[in-house]
Amino acid sequence: MAYDHMVILDCAKALSDKLQRMGISSKVKVYPFAEFHERAEREVLKEAIIIASFNVDDNLPVSVFRWFYSNTILHSGLSSEAQSWLHQQLNHIRERWEVKDYLAQLESIGTTMQYENWLVPLFHHRQTLRWRGSYKGYQ
């Protein structure tokens, strides 16, 4: 399943084609962006694979924290136990770390979520959290 964004659709189609070549039946369902989020909020996204983007702003530590904490699409794909674990980890970060130190902690959470197969980054998304500091001196 994907929403109607060109890069997301390209990714979904490529993944579907790959699955088909492996003998695994697949179908890409596409929803308008608003409906995609509405379905996530109602917790009716039940597809085996959901492809969405991870967007952050220039306040990276807070932006990534907020994405983990409140992204309805992410949470719709997690079990209640995984959601509870995630919120416990995020609350721990908020209680014990300054904002400038969030990213190191969030990378650890992301790694755990990948290991548990709750989250699988595709393409350039693997590098998103590693960009910090790469634009120093840029105006």
Protein backbone atom coordinates (compact mmCIF):
# COMPACT_ATOMS: atom_id res chain seq x y z
CA MET A 1 0.00 0.00 0.00
CA ALA A 2 1.16 3.53 -0.74
CA TYR A 3 -0.20 7.01 -1.15
CA ASP A 4 -0.27 9.05 -4.32
CA HIS A 5 3.25 10.48 -4.33
CA MET A 6 5.49 9.80 -7.34
CA VAL A 7 8.56 8.51 -5.45
CA ILE A 8 6.43 6.40 -3.08
CA LEU A 9 4.55 4.91 -6.05
CA ASP A 10 7.78 4.15 -7.89
CA CYS A 11 9.08 2.36 -4.81
CA ALA A 12 5.84 0.40 -4.36
CA LYS A 13 5.79 -0.66 -8.01
CA ALA A 14 9.46 -1.72 -7.93
CA LEU A 15 8.88 -3.76 -4.78
CA SER A 16 5.74 -5.35 -6.24
CA ASP A 17 7.60 -6.26 -9.45
CA LYS A 18 10.42 -7.81 -7.41
CA LEU A 19 7.92 -9.86 -5.37
CA GLN A 20 6.17 -11.01 -8.56
CA ARG A 21 9.51 -12.20 -10.01
CA MET A 22 10.04 -14.20 -6.82
CA GLY A 23 6.65 -15.88 -7.30
CA ILE A 24 4.91 -13.88 -4.58
CA SER A 25 1.58 -12.38 -5.54
CA SER A 26 1.31 -8.69 -4.77
CA LYS A 27 -0.91 -5.75 -5.57
CA VAL A 28 -0.20 -2.05 -5.05
CA LYS A 29 -3.09 -0.23 -3.40
CA VAL A 30 -2.89 3.54 -3.75
CA TYR A 31 -4.79 5.98 -1.57
CA PRO A 32 -5.00 9.76 -1.75
CA PHE A 33 -2.74 11.22 0.95
CA ALA A 34 -5.63 12.43 3.16
CA GLU A 35 -7.37 9.06 3.02
CA PHE A 36 -4.10 7.26 3.76
CA HIS A 37 -3.71 9.24 7.00
CA GLU A 38 -7.39 8.91 7.86
CA ARG A 39 -7.15 5.11 7.50
CA ALA A 40 -4.08 5.13 9.75
CA GLU A 41 -5.92 7.17 12.38
CA ARG A 42 -8.86 4.72 12.29
CA GLU A 43 -6.34 1.84 12.53
CA VAL A 44 -7.62 0.14 9.39
CA LEU A 45 -4.31 -0.11 7.52
CA LYS A 46 -4.00 -3.89 7.50
CA GLU A 47 -1.80 -4.42 4.45
CA ALA A 48 1.33 -6.53 4.94
CA ILE A 49 3.62 -3.78 3.60
CA ILE A 50 3.00 -0.06 3.95
CA ILE A 51 5.30 2.37 2.16
CA ALA A 52 5.45 5.96 3.35
CA SER A 53 8.01 8.72 3.57
CA PHE A 54 9.95 10.03 6.52
CA ASN A 55 10.03 13.82 6.39
CA VAL A 56 12.00 15.99 8.78
CA ASP A 57 12.64 19.70 9.07
CA ASP A 58 15.77 21.65 9.96
CA ASN A 59 15.22 21.12 13.70
CA LEU A 60 16.27 17.51 13.21
CA PRO A 61 16.36 16.22 16.81
CA VAL A 62 12.84 17.46 17.61
CA SER A 63 11.49 16.59 14.17
CA VAL A 64 12.68 12.97 14.35
CA PHE A 65 11.47 12.66 17.95
CA ARG A 66 8.01 13.93 16.95
CA TRP A 67 7.91 11.54 13.99
CA PHE A 68 8.62 8.53 16.20
CA TYR A 69 6.21 9.73 18.88
CA SER A 70 3.18 10.72 16.85
CA ASN A 71 3.30 9.46 13.26
CA THR A 72 -0.04 7.70 12.81
CA ILE A 73 1.18 5.64 9.87
CA LEU A 74 4.15 4.32 11.84
CA HIS A 75 1.98 3.53 14.86
CA SER A 76 -0.71 1.82 12.78
CA GLY A 77 1.86 -0.78 11.74
CA LEU A 78 3.06 -1.52 15.28
CA SER A 79 1.56 -3.95 17.75
CA SER A 80 0.27 -2.48 21.01
CA GLU A 81 3.34 -3.95 22.74
CA ALA A 82 5.68 -2.30 20.24
CA GLN A 83 3.84 1.03 20.58
CA SER A 84 4.16 0.81 24.35
CA TRP A 85 7.88 0.01 24.10
CA LEU A 86 8.41 2.91 21.71
CA HIS A 87 6.62 5.41 23.94
CA GLN A 88 8.56 4.19 26.99
CA GLN A 89 11.84 4.68 25.12
CA LEU A 90 10.83 8.14 23.89
CA ASN A 91 9.64 9.22 27.34
CA HIS A 92 12.97 8.01 28.75
CA ILE A 93 14.82 10.17 26.21
CA ARG A 94 12.69 13.22 26.96
CA GLU A 95 13.21 12.81 30.71
CA ARG A 96 16.96 12.19 30.68
CA TRP A 97 18.52 13.87 27.65
CA GLU A 98 18.85 17.38 26.32
CA VAL A 99 17.42 17.97 22.85
CA LYS A 100 20.91 18.27 21.35
CA ASP A 101 21.57 14.65 22.43
CA TYR A 102 18.32 13.15 21.11
CA LEU A 103 19.64 11.90 17.76
CA ALA A 104 22.11 9.38 19.18
CA GLN A 105 19.32 7.91 21.30
CA LEU A 106 16.82 7.96 18.43
CA GLU A 107 19.27 6.17 16.12
CA SER A 108 19.41 3.38 18.69
CA ILE A 109 15.61 3.16 18.74
CA GLY A 110 15.51 3.11 14.93
CA THR A 111 18.11 0.35 14.84
CA THR A 112 16.10 -1.74 17.30
CA MET A 113 12.94 -1.21 15.25
CA GLN A 114 14.78 -2.34 12.11
CA TYR A 115 16.16 -5.40 13.90
CA GLU A 116 12.65 -6.33 15.05
CA ASN A 117 11.35 -5.78 11.49
CA TRP A 118 8.91 -3.11 12.65
CA LEU A 119 10.48 -0.58 10.32
CA VAL A 120 12.48 -1.13 7.15
CA PRO A 121 14.13 1.90 5.54
CA LEU A 122 14.31 1.86 1.76
CA PHE A 123 16.68 3.65 -0.61
CA HIS A 124 18.01 7.02 0.60
CA HIS A 125 16.04 6.83 3.86
CA ARG A 126 18.85 4.74 5.37
CA GLN A 127 20.99 7.88 5.43
CA THR A 128 18.50 10.41 6.78
CA LEU A 129 19.74 10.48 10.38
CA ARG A 130 23.37 10.43 9.32
CA TRP A 131 23.27 13.82 7.59
CA ARG A 132 23.73 15.88 10.69
CA GLY A 133 26.69 18.20 10.40
CA SER A 134 27.20 17.56 6.69
CA TYR A 135 26.17 21.12 5.73
CA LYS A 136 28.36 23.04 8.17
CA GLY A 137 29.38 26.39 6.80
CA TYR A 138 26.76 26.26 4.05
CA GLN A 139 24.90 29.53 3.45
